[in-house]
Amino acid sequence: MKKSLFTIFLLFLSNTILAETYIMTKHEFKSKDSDYNSTVNQIRLGYTTKISDYTFYGEVGGGEKLPNGKSLGTGTSLTSYEFGIKKKIGKNFKFKIKWEGKDYDDSYLDHKFELKTYFTFW
């Protein structure tokens, strides 16, 4: 049993050593037609690791939604998440799949699932 736990620990440690931890910010400026509505500012702690040919990543953080006319610190607080996977297939094709969510403290979870594909011709 101790050998099994030690082996699992070593596997986890090897992935951690090969992984990358980062901080990212995201700023969204929302508008409807030509009218500015709000800004959403976020800061997240991210973690990415590569397993075989796949790159997995996850980000967790917080932020604030500021309606038009409100100053920084007076908006709605939120917790933000993003988890995804990236893969390159051959020389010309790659894809990215992600789930992103913003959990607003006073109301609801705003989330989306996204699939992006890229094909290069040269």
PDB file of N, CA and C in Angstrom:
ATOM      1  N   MET A   1       0.822  -1.189   0.000  1.00  0.00           N
ATOM      2  CA  MET A   1       0.000   0.000   0.000  1.00  0.00           C
ATOM      3  C   MET A   1       0.866   1.253   0.000  1.00  0.00           C
ATOM      4  N   LYS A   2       1.923   1.255   0.823  1.00  0.00           N
ATOM      5  CA  LYS A   2       2.800   2.423   0.887  1.00  0.00           C
ATOM      6  C   LYS A   2       3.504   2.652  -0.447  1.00  0.00           C
ATOM      7  N   LYS A   3       3.883   1.568  -1.126  1.00  0.00           N
ATOM      8  CA  LYS A   3       4.534   1.707  -2.431  1.00  0.00           C
ATOM      9  C   LYS A   3       3.573   2.306  -3.454  1.00  0.00           C
ATOM     10  N   SER A   4       2.312   1.906  -3.406  1.00  0.00           N
ATOM     11  CA  SER A   4       1.308   2.449  -4.336  1.00  0.00           C
ATOM     12  C   SER A   4       1.106   3.935  -4.105  1.00  0.00           C
ATOM     13  N   LEU A   5       0.986   4.337  -2.851  1.00  0.00           N
ATOM     14  CA  LEU A   5       0.808   5.752  -2.535  1.00  0.00           C
ATOM     15  C   LEU A   5       2.033   6.560  -2.942  1.00  0.00           C
ATOM     16  N   PHE A   6       3.209   6.013  -2.717  1.00  0.00           N
ATOM     17  CA  PHE A   6       4.438   6.700  -3.101  1.00  0.00           C
ATOM     18  C   PHE A   6       4.520   6.850  -4.625  1.00  0.00           C
ATOM     19  N   THR A   7       4.123   5.815  -5.371  1.00  0.00           N
ATOM     20  CA  THR A   7       4.123   5.882  -6.834  1.00  0.00           C
ATOM     21  C   THR A   7       3.147   6.950  -7.322  1.00  0.00           C
ATOM     22  N   ILE A   8       1.956   7.008  -6.748  1.00  0.00           N
ATOM     23  CA  ILE A   8       0.976   8.039  -7.112  1.00  0.00           C
ATOM     24  C   ILE A   8       1.532   9.421  -6.802  1.00  0.00           C
ATOM     25  N   PHE A   9       2.162   9.568  -5.657  1.00  0.00           N
ATOM     26  CA  PHE A   9       2.762  10.846  -5.284  1.00  0.00           C
ATOM     27  C   PHE A   9       3.838  11.259  -6.290  1.00  0.00           C
ATOM     28  N   LEU A  10       4.694  10.328  -6.719  1.00  0.00           N
ATOM     29  CA  LEU A  10       5.735  10.640  -7.698  1.00  0.00           C
ATOM     30  C   LEU A  10       5.138  11.038  -9.045  1.00  0.00           C
ATOM     31  N   LEU A  11       4.080  10.355  -9.470  1.00  0.00           N
ATOM     32  CA  LEU A  11       3.416  10.722 -10.721  1.00  0.00           C
ATOM     33  C   LEU A  11       2.843  12.134 -10.630  1.00  0.00           C
ATOM     34  N   PHE A  12       2.198  12.444  -9.515  1.00  0.00           N
ATOM     35  CA  PHE A  12       1.654  13.787  -9.314  1.00  0.00           C
ATOM     36  C   PHE A  12       2.774  14.817  -9.307  1.00  0.00           C
ATOM     37  N   LEU A  13       3.869  14.528  -8.629  1.00  0.00           N
ATOM     38  CA  LEU A  13       4.993  15.445  -8.542  1.00  0.00           C
ATOM     39  C   LEU A  13       5.624  15.672  -9.911  1.00  0.00           C
ATOM     40  N   SER A  14       5.746  14.621 -10.717  1.00  0.00           N
ATOM     41  CA  SER A  14       6.344  14.785 -12.046  1.00  0.00           C
ATOM     42  C   SER A  14       5.472  15.675 -12.923  1.00  0.00           C
ATOM     43  N   ASN A  15       4.155  15.545 -12.845  1.00  0.00           N
ATOM     44  CA  ASN A  15       3.269  16.431 -13.606  1.00  0.00           C
ATOM     45  C   ASN A  15       3.366  17.855 -13.097  1.00  0.00           C
ATOM     46  N   THR A  16       3.515  18.040 -11.799  1.00  0.00           N
ATOM     47  CA  THR A  16       3.620  19.375 -11.229  1.00  0.00           C
ATOM     48  C   THR A  16       4.900  20.062 -11.688  1.00  0.00           C
ATOM     49  N   ILE A  17       5.966  19.327 -11.763  1.00  0.00           N
ATOM     50  CA  ILE A  17       7.238  19.899 -12.195  1.00  0.00           C
ATOM     51  C   ILE A  17       7.163  20.335 -13.656  1.00  0.00           C
ATOM     52  N   LEU A  18       6.475  19.563 -14.494  1.00  0.00           N
ATOM     53  CA  LEU A  18       6.347  19.888 -15.910  1.00  0.00           C
ATOM     54  C   LEU A  18       5.232  20.897 -16.176  1.00  0.00           C
ATOM     55  N   ALA A  19       4.448  21.232 -15.194  1.00  0.00           N
ATOM     56  CA  ALA A  19       3.321  22.142 -15.368  1.00  0.00           C
ATOM     57  C   ALA A  19       3.777  23.589 -15.266  1.00  0.00           C
ATOM     58  N   GLU A  20       2.883  24.463 -15.691  1.00  0.00           N
ATOM     59  CA  GLU A  20       3.159  25.898 -15.656  1.00  0.00           C
ATOM     60  C   GLU A  20       2.040  26.597 -14.897  1.00  0.00           C
ATOM     61  N   THR A  21       2.407  27.416 -13.928  1.00  0.00           N
ATOM     62  CA  THR A  21       1.444  28.210 -13.178  1.00  0.00           C
ATOM     63  C   THR A  21       1.573  29.659 -13.631  1.00  0.00           C
ATOM     64  N   TYR A  22       0.449  30.337 -13.773  1.00  0.00           N
ATOM     65  CA  TYR A  22       0.479  31.700 -14.276  1.00  0.00           C
ATOM     66  C   TYR A  22      -0.657  32.524 -13.683  1.00  0.00           C
ATOM     67  N   ILE A  23      -0.562  33.842 -13.831  1.00  0.00           N
ATOM     68  CA  ILE A  23      -1.632  34.769 -13.465  1.00  0.00           C
ATOM     69  C   ILE A  23      -2.064  35.476 -14.738  1.00  0.00           C
ATOM     70  N   MET A  24      -3.359  35.597 -14.940  1.00  0.00           N
ATOM     71  CA  MET A  24      -3.863  36.296 -16.119  1.00  0.00           C
ATOM     72  C   MET A  24      -4.957  37.269 -15.720  1.00  0.00           C
ATOM     73  N   THR A  25      -5.132  38.299 -16.530  1.00  0.00           N
ATOM     74  CA  THR A  25      -6.237  39.239 -16.339  1.00  0.00           C
ATOM     75  C   THR A  25      -7.082  39.236 -17.591  1.00  0.00           C
ATOM     76  N   LYS A  26      -8.348  39.566 -17.416  1.00  0.00           N
ATOM     77  CA  LYS A  26      -9.278  39.627 -18.534  1.00  0.00           C
ATOM     78  C   LYS A  26     -10.196  40.816 -18.303  1.00  0.00           C
ATOM     79  N   HIS A  27     -10.399  41.617 -19.344  1.00  0.00           N
ATOM     80  CA  HIS A  27     -11.237  42.803 -19.251  1.00  0.00           C
ATOM     81  C   HIS A  27     -12.220  42.791 -20.418  1.00  0.00           C
ATOM     82  N   GLU A  28     -13.502  42.764 -20.102  1.00  0.00           N
ATOM     83  CA  GLU A  28     -14.543  42.742 -21.119  1.00  0.00           C
ATOM     84  C   GLU A  28     -15.301  44.068 -21.066  1.00  0.00           C
ATOM     85  N   PHE A  29     -15.485  44.680 -22.224  1.00  0.00           N
ATOM     86  CA  PHE A  29     -16.244  45.927 -22.332  1.00  0.00           C
ATOM     87  C   PHE A  29     -17.516  45.608 -23.094  1.00  0.00           C
ATOM     88  N   LYS A  30     -18.648  45.578 -22.395  1.00  0.00           N
ATOM     89  CA  LYS A  30     -19.920  45.133 -22.953  1.00  0.00           C
ATOM     90  C   LYS A  30     -20.701  46.318 -23.519  1.00  0.00           C
ATOM     91  N   SER A  31     -21.342  46.084 -24.657  1.00  0.00           N
ATOM     92  CA  SER A  31     -22.217  47.102 -25.237  1.00  0.00           C
ATOM     93  C   SER A  31     -23.343  46.421 -26.000  1.00  0.00           C
ATOM     94  N   LYS A  32     -24.414  47.156 -26.180  1.00  0.00           N
ATOM     95  CA  LYS A  32     -25.547  46.675 -26.959  1.00  0.00           C
ATOM     96  C   LYS A  32     -25.803  47.720 -28.027  1.00  0.00           C
ATOM     97  N   ASP A  33     -25.823  47.304 -29.273  1.00  0.00           N
ATOM     98  CA  ASP A  33     -25.796  48.218 -30.410  1.00  0.00           C
ATOM     99  C   ASP A  33     -24.571  49.108 -30.251  1.00  0.00           C
ATOM    100  N   SER A  34     -24.724  50.394 -30.131  1.00  0.00           N
ATOM    101  CA  SER A  34     -23.554  51.260 -29.947  1.00  0.00           C
ATOM    102  C   SER A  34     -23.501  51.861 -28.542  1.00  0.00           C
ATOM    103  N   ASP A  35     -24.335  51.354 -27.618  1.00  0.00           N
ATOM    104  CA  ASP A  35     -24.380  51.882 -26.247  1.00  0.00           C
ATOM    105  C   ASP A  35     -23.553  51.015 -25.306  1.00  0.00           C
ATOM    106  N   TYR A  36     -22.617  51.654 -24.603  1.00  0.00           N
ATOM    107  CA  TYR A  36     -21.785  50.968 -23.616  1.00  0.00           C
ATOM    108  C   TYR A  36     -22.638  50.632 -22.393  1.00  0.00           C
ATOM    109  N   ASN A  37     -22.562  49.364 -21.922  1.00  0.00           N
ATOM    110  CA  ASN A  37     -23.352  48.908 -20.776  1.00  0.00           C
ATOM    111  C   ASN A  37     -22.534  48.716 -19.507  1.00  0.00           C
ATOM    112  N   SER A  38     -21.448  47.953 -19.629  1.00  0.00           N
ATOM    113  CA  SER A  38     -20.706  47.575 -18.426  1.00  0.00           C
ATOM    114  C   SER A  38     -19.311  47.080 -18.774  1.00  0.00           C
ATOM    115  N   THR A  39     -18.506  46.937 -17.731  1.00  0.00           N
ATOM    116  CA  THR A  39     -17.169  46.363 -17.832  1.00  0.00           C
ATOM    117  C   THR A  39     -17.076  45.211 -16.844  1.00  0.00           C
ATOM    118  N   VAL A  40     -16.438  44.120 -17.253  1.00  0.00           N
ATOM    119  CA  VAL A  40     -16.175  42.998 -16.357  1.00  0.00           C
ATOM    120  C   VAL A  40     -14.657  42.837 -16.278  1.00  0.00           C
ATOM    121  N   ASN A  41     -14.098  43.027 -15.084  1.00  0.00           N
ATOM    122  CA  ASN A  41     -12.659  42.876 -14.846  1.00  0.00           C
ATOM    123  C   ASN A  41     -12.422  41.619 -14.029  1.00  0.00           C
ATOM    124  N   GLN A  42     -11.441  40.810 -14.457  1.00  0.00           N
ATOM    125  CA  GLN A  42     -11.155  39.556 -13.766  1.00  0.00           C
ATOM    126  C   GLN A  42      -9.649  39.368 -13.611  1.00  0.00           C
ATOM    127  N   ILE A  43      -9.263  38.688 -12.557  1.00  0.00           N
ATOM    128  CA  ILE A  43      -7.895  38.213 -12.377  1.00  0.00           C
ATOM    129  C   ILE A  43      -7.984  36.745 -11.970  1.00  0.00           C
ATOM    130  N   ARG A  44      -7.162  35.910 -12.612  1.00  0.00           N
ATOM    131  CA  ARG A  44      -7.237  34.466 -12.375  1.00  0.00           C
ATOM    132  C   ARG A  44      -5.852  33.876 -12.174  1.00  0.00           C
ATOM    133  N   LEU A  45      -5.803  32.838 -11.373  1.00  0.00           N
ATOM    134  CA  LEU A  45      -4.611  32.016 -11.213  1.00  0.00           C
ATOM    135  C   LEU A  45      -4.819  30.791 -12.098  1.00  0.00           C
ATOM    136  N   GLY A  46      -3.858  30.519 -12.975  1.00  0.00           N
ATOM    137  CA  GLY A  46      -4.005  29.427 -13.925  1.00  0.00           C
ATOM    138  C   GLY A  46      -2.935  28.376 -13.773  1.00  0.00           C
ATOM    139  N   TYR A  47      -3.237  27.215 -14.302  1.00  0.00           N
ATOM    140  CA  TYR A  47      -2.352  26.055 -14.228  1.00  0.00           C
ATOM    141  C   TYR A  47      -2.502  25.297 -15.537  1.00  0.00           C
ATOM    142  N   THR A  48      -1.404  24.990 -16.195  1.00  0.00           N
ATOM    143  CA  THR A  48      -1.453  24.230 -17.433  1.00  0.00           C
ATOM    144  C   THR A  48      -0.461  23.079 -17.362  1.00  0.00           C
ATOM    145  N   THR A  49      -0.840  21.974 -17.950  1.00  0.00           N
ATOM    146  CA  THR A  49       0.044  20.810 -17.985  1.00  0.00           C
ATOM    147  C   THR A  49      -0.175  20.075 -19.303  1.00  0.00           C
ATOM    148  N   LYS A  50       0.859  19.429 -19.775  1.00  0.00           N
ATOM    149  CA  LYS A  50       0.790  18.684 -21.027  1.00  0.00           C
ATOM    150  C   LYS A  50       0.863  17.188 -20.714  1.00  0.00           C
ATOM    151  N   ILE A  51      -0.092  16.459 -21.230  1.00  0.00           N
ATOM    152  CA  ILE A  51      -0.126  15.006 -21.080  1.00  0.00           C
ATOM    153  C   ILE A  51      -0.255  14.429 -22.482  1.00  0.00           C
ATOM    154  N   SER A  52       0.724  13.670 -22.907  1.00  0.00           N
ATOM    155  CA  SER A  52       0.837  13.189 -24.290  1.00  0.00           C
ATOM    156  C   SER A  52       0.821  14.400 -25.216  1.00  0.00           C
ATOM    157  N   ASP A  53      -0.097  14.414 -26.169  1.00  0.00           N
ATOM    158  CA  ASP A  53      -0.193  15.530 -27.117  1.00  0.00           C
ATOM    159  C   ASP A  53      -1.253  16.541 -26.721  1.00  0.00           C
ATOM    160  N   TYR A  54      -1.846  16.384 -25.560  1.00  0.00           N
ATOM    161  CA  TYR A  54      -2.920  17.268 -25.110  1.00  0.00           C
ATOM    162  C   TYR A  54      -2.393  18.263 -24.075  1.00  0.00           C
ATOM    163  N   THR A  55      -2.870  19.490 -24.145  1.00  0.00           N
ATOM    164  CA  THR A  55      -2.555  20.499 -23.149  1.00  0.00           C
ATOM    165  C   THR A  55      -3.831  20.803 -22.377  1.00  0.00           C
ATOM    166  N   PHE A  56      -3.819  20.557 -21.074  1.00  0.00           N
ATOM    167  CA  PHE A  56      -4.958  20.822 -20.205  1.00  0.00           C
ATOM    168  C   PHE A  56      -4.674  22.084 -19.403  1.00  0.00           C
ATOM    169  N   TYR A  57      -5.710  22.888 -19.175  1.00  0.00           N
ATOM    170  CA  TYR A  57      -5.512  24.075 -18.356  1.00  0.00           C
ATOM    171  C   TYR A  57      -6.748  24.369 -17.515  1.00  0.00           C
ATOM    172  N   GLY A  58      -6.526  25.081 -16.433  1.00  0.00           N
ATOM    173  CA  GLY A  58      -7.610  25.518 -15.571  1.00  0.00           C
ATOM    174  C   GLY A  58      -7.263  26.857 -14.950  1.00  0.00           C
ATOM    175  N   GLU A  59      -8.270  27.701 -14.792  1.00  0.00           N
ATOM    176  CA  GLU A  59      -8.079  29.022 -14.195  1.00  0.00           C
ATOM    177  C   GLU A  59      -9.211  29.290 -13.214  1.00  0.00           C
ATOM    178  N   VAL A  60      -8.873  29.860 -12.072  1.00  0.00           N
ATOM    179  CA  VAL A  60      -9.861  30.219 -11.058  1.00  0.00           C
ATOM    180  C   VAL A  60      -9.473  31.590 -10.518  1.00  0.00           C
ATOM    181  N   GLY A  61     -10.468  32.446 -10.334  1.00  0.00           N
ATOM    182  CA  GLY A  61     -10.168  33.777  -9.825  1.00  0.00           C
ATOM    183  C   GLY A  61     -11.412  34.538  -9.432  1.00  0.00           C
ATOM    184  N   GLY A  62     -11.271  35.830  -9.402  1.00  0.00           N
ATOM    185  CA  GLY A  62     -12.375  36.692  -9.018  1.00  0.00           C
ATOM    186  C   GLY A  62     -12.381  37.943  -9.855  1.00  0.00           C
ATOM    187  N   GLY A  63     -13.407  38.744  -9.635  1.00  0.00           N
ATOM    188  CA  GLY A  63     -13.504  39.975 -10.394  1.00  0.00           C
ATOM    189  C   GLY A  63     -14.702  40.796  -9.980  1.00  0.00           C
ATOM    190  N   GLU A  64     -15.055  41.717 -10.871  1.00  0.00           N
ATOM    191  CA  GLU A  64     -16.135  42.650 -10.574  1.00  0.00           C
ATOM    192  C   GLU A  64     -16.805  43.084 -11.877  1.00  0.00           C
ATOM    193  N   LYS A  65     -18.130  43.146 -11.850  1.00  0.00           N
ATOM    194  CA  LYS A  65     -18.898  43.676 -12.972  1.00  0.00           C
ATOM    195  C   LYS A  65     -19.324  45.093 -12.612  1.00  0.00           C
ATOM    196  N   LEU A  66     -18.935  46.045 -13.452  1.00  0.00           N
ATOM    197  CA  LEU A  66     -19.219  47.455 -13.205  1.00  0.00           C
ATOM    198  C   LEU A  66     -20.190  47.987 -14.252  1.00  0.00           C
ATOM    199  N   PRO A  67     -21.437  48.278 -13.868  1.00  0.00           N
ATOM    200  CA  PRO A  67     -22.351  48.906 -14.820  1.00  0.00           C
ATOM    201  C   PRO A  67     -21.852  50.305 -15.199  1.00  0.00           C
ATOM    202  N   ASN A  68     -22.314  50.820 -16.316  1.00  0.00           N
ATOM    203  CA  ASN A  68     -21.932  52.149 -16.784  1.00  0.00           C
ATOM    204  C   ASN A  68     -22.204  53.182 -15.690  1.00  0.00           C
ATOM    205  N   GLY A  69     -21.214  54.005 -15.391  1.00  0.00           N
ATOM    206  CA  GLY A  69     -21.371  55.057 -14.401  1.00  0.00           C
ATOM    207  C   GLY A  69     -20.922  54.689 -12.995  1.00  0.00           C
ATOM    208  N   LYS A  70     -20.627  53.430 -12.741  1.00  0.00           N
ATOM    209  CA  LYS A  70     -20.154  52.996 -11.413  1.00  0.00           C
ATOM    210  C   LYS A  70     -18.632  53.041 -11.372  1.00  0.00           C
ATOM    211  N   SER A  71     -18.088  53.294 -10.187  1.00  0.00           N
ATOM    212  CA  SER A  71     -16.638  53.337 -10.045  1.00  0.00           C
ATOM    213  C   SER A  71     -16.107  51.997  -9.517  1.00  0.00           C
ATOM    214  N   LEU A  72     -14.824  51.773  -9.711  1.00  0.00           N
ATOM    215  CA  LEU A  72     -14.160  50.545  -9.298  1.00  0.00           C
ATOM    216  C   LEU A  72     -14.404  50.289  -7.816  1.00  0.00           C
ATOM    217  N   GLY A  73     -14.824  49.091  -7.479  1.00  0.00           N
ATOM    218  CA  GLY A  73     -15.092  48.725  -6.099  1.00  0.00           C
ATOM    219  C   GLY A  73     -16.555  48.820  -5.706  1.00  0.00           C
ATOM    220  N   THR A  74     -17.410  49.332  -6.580  1.00  0.00           N
ATOM    221  CA  THR A  74     -18.835  49.473  -6.258  1.00  0.00           C
ATOM    222  C   THR A  74     -19.718  48.537  -7.079  1.00  0.00           C
ATOM    223  N   GLY A  75     -19.111  47.682  -7.882  1.00  0.00           N
ATOM    224  CA  GLY A  75     -19.879  46.777  -8.736  1.00  0.00           C
ATOM    225  C   GLY A  75     -20.236  45.474  -8.050  1.00  0.00           C
ATOM    226  N   THR A  76     -20.667  44.517  -8.846  1.00  0.00           N
ATOM    227  CA  THR A  76     -21.049  43.194  -8.365  1.00  0.00           C
ATOM    228  C   THR A  76     -19.834  42.270  -8.387  1.00  0.00           C
ATOM    229  N   SER A  77     -19.511  41.654  -7.257  1.00  0.00           N
ATOM    230  CA  SER A  77     -18.385  40.714  -7.183  1.00  0.00           C
ATOM    231  C   SER A  77     -18.733  39.417  -7.892  1.00  0.00           C
ATOM    232  N   LEU A  78     -17.698  38.751  -8.399  1.00  0.00           N
ATOM    233  CA  LEU A  78     -17.913  37.477  -9.075  1.00  0.00           C
ATOM    234  C   LEU A  78     -16.725  36.568  -8.853  1.00  0.00           C
ATOM    235  N   THR A  79     -16.973  35.279  -8.993  1.00  0.00           N
ATOM    236  CA  THR A  79     -15.929  34.266  -9.017  1.00  0.00           C
ATOM    237  C   THR A  79     -15.896  33.731 -10.440  1.00  0.00           C
ATOM    238  N   SER A  80     -14.713  33.625 -11.035  1.00  0.00           N
ATOM    239  CA  SER A  80     -14.625  33.195 -12.429  1.00  0.00           C
ATOM    240  C   SER A  80     -13.813  31.911 -12.556  1.00  0.00           C
ATOM    241  N   TYR A  81     -14.190  31.120 -13.558  1.00  0.00           N
ATOM    242  CA  TYR A  81     -13.562  29.817 -13.798  1.00  0.00           C
ATOM    243  C   TYR A  81     -13.377  29.642 -15.303  1.00  0.00           C
ATOM    244  N   GLU A  82     -12.335  28.921 -15.678  1.00  0.00           N
ATOM    245  CA  GLU A  82     -12.190  28.474 -17.063  1.00  0.00           C
ATOM    246  C   GLU A  82     -11.373  27.192 -17.047  1.00  0.00           C
ATOM    247  N   PHE A  83     -11.867  26.182 -17.748  1.00  0.00           N
ATOM    248  CA  PHE A  83     -11.179  24.899 -17.858  1.00  0.00           C
ATOM    249  C   PHE A  83     -11.231  24.455 -19.303  1.00  0.00           C
ATOM    250  N   GLY A  84     -10.117  23.927 -19.813  1.00  0.00           N
ATOM    251  CA  GLY A  84     -10.119  23.536 -21.209  1.00  0.00           C
ATOM    252  C   GLY A  84      -9.006  22.586 -21.580  1.00  0.00           C
ATOM    253  N   ILE A  85      -9.006  22.272 -22.878  1.00  0.00           N
ATOM    254  CA  ILE A  85      -8.028  21.359 -23.453  1.00  0.00           C
ATOM    255  C   ILE A  85      -7.664  21.866 -24.845  1.00  0.00           C
ATOM    256  N   LYS A  86      -6.395  21.719 -25.213  1.00  0.00           N
ATOM    257  CA  LYS A  86      -5.920  22.107 -26.537  1.00  0.00           C
ATOM    258  C   LYS A  86      -5.182  20.928 -27.149  1.00  0.00           C
ATOM    259  N   LYS A  87      -5.279  20.810 -28.473  1.00  0.00           N
ATOM    260  CA  LYS A  87      -4.592  19.707 -29.159  1.00  0.00           C
ATOM    261  C   LYS A  87      -4.250  20.134 -30.576  1.00  0.00           C
ATOM    262  N   LYS A  88      -3.044  19.817 -31.000  1.00  0.00           N
ATOM    263  CA  LYS A  88      -2.614  20.049 -32.379  1.00  0.00           C
ATOM    264  C   LYS A  88      -2.577  18.699 -33.077  1.00  0.00           C
ATOM    265  N   ILE A  89      -3.204  18.623 -34.243  1.00  0.00           N
ATOM    266  CA  ILE A  89      -3.256  17.381 -35.018  1.00  0.00           C
ATOM    267  C   ILE A  89      -2.567  17.644 -36.348  1.00  0.00           C
ATOM    268  N   GLY A  90      -1.448  17.019 -36.535  1.00  0.00           N
ATOM    269  CA  GLY A  90      -0.688  17.246 -37.760  1.00  0.00           C
ATOM    270  C   GLY A  90      -0.067  18.634 -37.775  1.00  0.00           C
ATOM    271  N   LYS A  91       0.278  19.067 -38.968  1.00  0.00           N
ATOM    272  CA  LYS A  91       0.957  20.350 -39.122  1.00  0.00           C
ATOM    273  C   LYS A  91      -0.027  21.517 -39.232  1.00  0.00           C
ATOM    274  N   ASN A  92      -1.238  21.263 -39.717  1.00  0.00           N
ATOM    275  CA  ASN A  92      -2.122  22.354 -40.096  1.00  0.00           C
ATOM    276  C   ASN A  92      -3.400  22.487 -39.272  1.00  0.00           C
ATOM    277  N   PHE A  93      -3.695  21.579 -38.368  1.00  0.00           N
ATOM    278  CA  PHE A  93      -4.982  21.630 -37.682  1.00  0.00           C
ATOM    279  C   PHE A  93      -4.784  21.587 -36.168  1.00  0.00           C
ATOM    280  N   LYS A  94      -5.529  22.422 -35.463  1.00  0.00           N
ATOM    281  CA  LYS A  94      -5.557  22.368 -34.000  1.00  0.00           C
ATOM    282  C   LYS A  94      -6.943  22.773 -33.520  1.00  0.00           C
ATOM    283  N   PHE A  95      -7.265  22.370 -32.291  1.00  0.00           N
ATOM    284  CA  PHE A  95      -8.548  22.741 -31.719  1.00  0.00           C
ATOM    285  C   PHE A  95      -8.400  23.072 -30.243  1.00  0.00           C
ATOM    286  N   LYS A  96      -9.409  23.761 -29.716  1.00  0.00           N
ATOM    287  CA  LYS A  96      -9.458  24.141 -28.313  1.00  0.00           C
ATOM    288  C   LYS A  96     -10.907  24.001 -27.858  1.00  0.00           C
ATOM    289  N   ILE A  97     -11.101  23.329 -26.724  1.00  0.00           N
ATOM    290  CA  ILE A  97     -12.421  23.183 -26.116  1.00  0.00           C
ATOM    291  C   ILE A  97     -12.334  23.769 -24.718  1.00  0.00           C
ATOM    292  N   LYS A  98     -13.302  24.624 -24.353  1.00  0.00           N
ATOM    293  CA  LYS A  98     -13.263  25.213 -23.014  1.00  0.00           C
ATOM    294  C   LYS A  98     -14.662  25.419 -22.452  1.00  0.00           C
ATOM    295  N   TRP A  99     -14.730  25.444 -21.125  1.00  0.00           N
ATOM    296  CA  TRP A  99     -15.916  25.851 -20.393  1.00  0.00           C
ATOM    297  C   TRP A  99     -15.494  27.046 -19.555  1.00  0.00           C
ATOM    298  N   GLU A 100     -16.275  28.124 -19.612  1.00  0.00           N
ATOM    299  CA  GLU A 100     -15.966  29.329 -18.853  1.00  0.00           C
ATOM    300  C   GLU A 100     -17.212  29.762 -18.092  1.00  0.00           C
ATOM    301  N   GLY A 101     -17.041  30.108 -16.832  1.00  0.00           N
ATOM    302  CA  GLY A 101     -18.167  30.535 -16.014  1.00  0.00           C
ATOM    303  C   GLY A 101     -17.830  31.723 -15.145  1.00  0.00           C
ATOM    304  N   LYS A 102     -18.846  32.550 -14.926  1.00  0.00           N
ATOM    305  CA  LYS A 102     -18.737  33.670 -13.996  1.00  0.00           C
ATOM    306  C   LYS A 102     -19.906  33.555 -13.030  1.00  0.00           C
ATOM    307  N   ASP A 103     -19.597  33.357 -11.759  1.00  0.00           N
ATOM    308  CA  ASP A 103     -20.611  33.183 -10.717  1.00  0.00           C
ATOM    309  C   ASP A 103     -20.767  34.514  -9.973  1.00  0.00           C
ATOM    310  N   TYR A 104     -21.826  35.254 -10.311  1.00  0.00           N
ATOM    311  CA  TYR A 104     -22.062  36.561  -9.693  1.00  0.00           C
ATOM    312  C   TYR A 104     -22.624  36.358  -8.292  1.00  0.00           C
ATOM    313  N   ASP A 105     -22.054  37.061  -7.320  1.00  0.00           N
ATOM    314  CA  ASP A 105     -22.413  36.872  -5.916  1.00  0.00           C
ATOM    315  C   ASP A 105     -23.884  37.149  -5.622  1.00  0.00           C
ATOM    316  N   ASP A 106     -24.493  38.088  -6.329  1.00  0.00           N
ATOM    317  CA  ASP A 106     -25.869  38.471  -5.993  1.00  0.00           C
ATOM    318  C   ASP A 106     -26.937  37.808  -6.854  1.00  0.00           C
ATOM    319  N   SER A 107     -26.545  36.970  -7.818  1.00  0.00           N
ATOM    320  CA  SER A 107     -27.611  36.484  -8.675  1.00  0.00           C
ATOM    321  C   SER A 107     -27.401  35.112  -9.301  1.00  0.00           C
ATOM    322  N   TYR A 108     -26.590  34.960 -10.317  1.00  0.00           N
ATOM    323  CA  TYR A 108     -26.633  33.779 -11.162  1.00  0.00           C
ATOM    324  C   TYR A 108     -25.248  33.372 -11.639  1.00  0.00           C
ATOM    325  N   LEU A 109     -25.197  32.195 -12.257  1.00  0.00           N
ATOM    326  CA  LEU A 109     -23.983  31.692 -12.900  1.00  0.00           C
ATOM    327  C   LEU A 109     -24.133  31.912 -14.399  1.00  0.00           C
ATOM    328  N   ASP A 110     -23.265  32.727 -14.966  1.00  0.00           N
ATOM    329  CA  ASP A 110     -23.225  32.978 -16.407  1.00  0.00           C
ATOM    330  C   ASP A 110     -22.107  32.104 -16.955  1.00  0.00           C
ATOM    331  N   HIS A 111     -22.416  31.193 -17.875  1.00  0.00           N
ATOM    332  CA  HIS A 111     -21.378  30.290 -18.365  1.00  0.00           C
ATOM    333  C   HIS A 111     -21.568  29.965 -19.830  1.00  0.00           C
ATOM    334  N   LYS A 112     -20.486  29.447 -20.440  1.00  0.00           N
ATOM    335  CA  LYS A 112     -20.539  29.053 -21.850  1.00  0.00           C
ATOM    336  C   LYS A 112     -19.569  27.906 -22.100  1.00  0.00           C
ATOM    337  N   PHE A 113     -19.867  27.153 -23.130  1.00  0.00           N
ATOM    338  CA  PHE A 113     -19.015  26.086 -23.626  1.00  0.00           C
ATOM    339  C   PHE A 113     -18.593  26.517 -25.025  1.00  0.00           C
ATOM    340  N   GLU A 114     -17.304  26.388 -25.329  1.00  0.00           N
ATOM    341  CA  GLU A 114     -16.811  26.902 -26.606  1.00  0.00           C
ATOM    342  C   GLU A 114     -15.880  25.890 -27.251  1.00  0.00           C
ATOM    343  N   LEU A 115     -16.016  25.730 -28.575  1.00  0.00           N
ATOM    344  CA  LEU A 115     -15.148  24.881 -29.354  1.00  0.00           C
ATOM    345  C   LEU A 115     -14.576  25.734 -30.488  1.00  0.00           C
ATOM    346  N   LYS A 116     -13.244  25.832 -30.560  1.00  0.00           N
ATOM    347  CA  LYS A 116     -12.585  26.579 -31.624  1.00  0.00           C
ATOM    348  C   LYS A 116     -11.738  25.604 -32.425  1.00  0.00           C
ATOM    349  N   THR A 117     -11.773  25.762 -33.750  1.00  0.00           N
ATOM    350  CA  THR A 117     -10.912  24.983 -34.614  1.00  0.00           C
ATOM    351  C   THR A 117     -10.081  25.937 -35.469  1.00  0.00           C
ATOM    352  N   TYR A 118      -8.844  25.544 -35.756  1.00  0.00           N
ATOM    353  CA  TYR A 118      -7.927  26.344 -36.558  1.00  0.00           C
ATOM    354  C   TYR A 118      -7.363  25.461 -37.648  1.00  0.00           C
ATOM    355  N   PHE A 119      -7.375  25.971 -38.865  1.00  0.00           N
ATOM    356  CA  PHE A 119      -6.749  25.264 -39.979  1.00  0.00           C
ATOM    357  C   PHE A 119      -5.879  26.255 -40.739  1.00  0.00           C
ATOM    358  N   THR A 120      -4.615  25.938 -40.900  1.00  0.00           N
ATOM    359  CA  THR A 120      -3.727  26.796 -41.668  1.00  0.00           C
ATOM    360  C   THR A 120      -3.463  26.161 -43.034  1.00  0.00           C
ATOM    361  N   PHE A 121      -3.286  26.993 -44.042  1.00  0.00           N
ATOM    362  CA  PHE A 121      -3.126  26.503 -45.396  1.00  0.00           C
ATOM    363  C   PHE A 121      -1.665  26.302 -45.796  1.00  0.00           C
ATOM    364  N   TRP A 122      -0.745  26.899 -45.068  1.00  0.00           N
ATOM    365  CA  TRP A 122       0.677  26.772 -45.409  1.00  0.00           C
ATOM    366  C   TRP A 122       1.467  26.231 -44.277  1.00  0.00           C
TER     367      TRP A 122
END
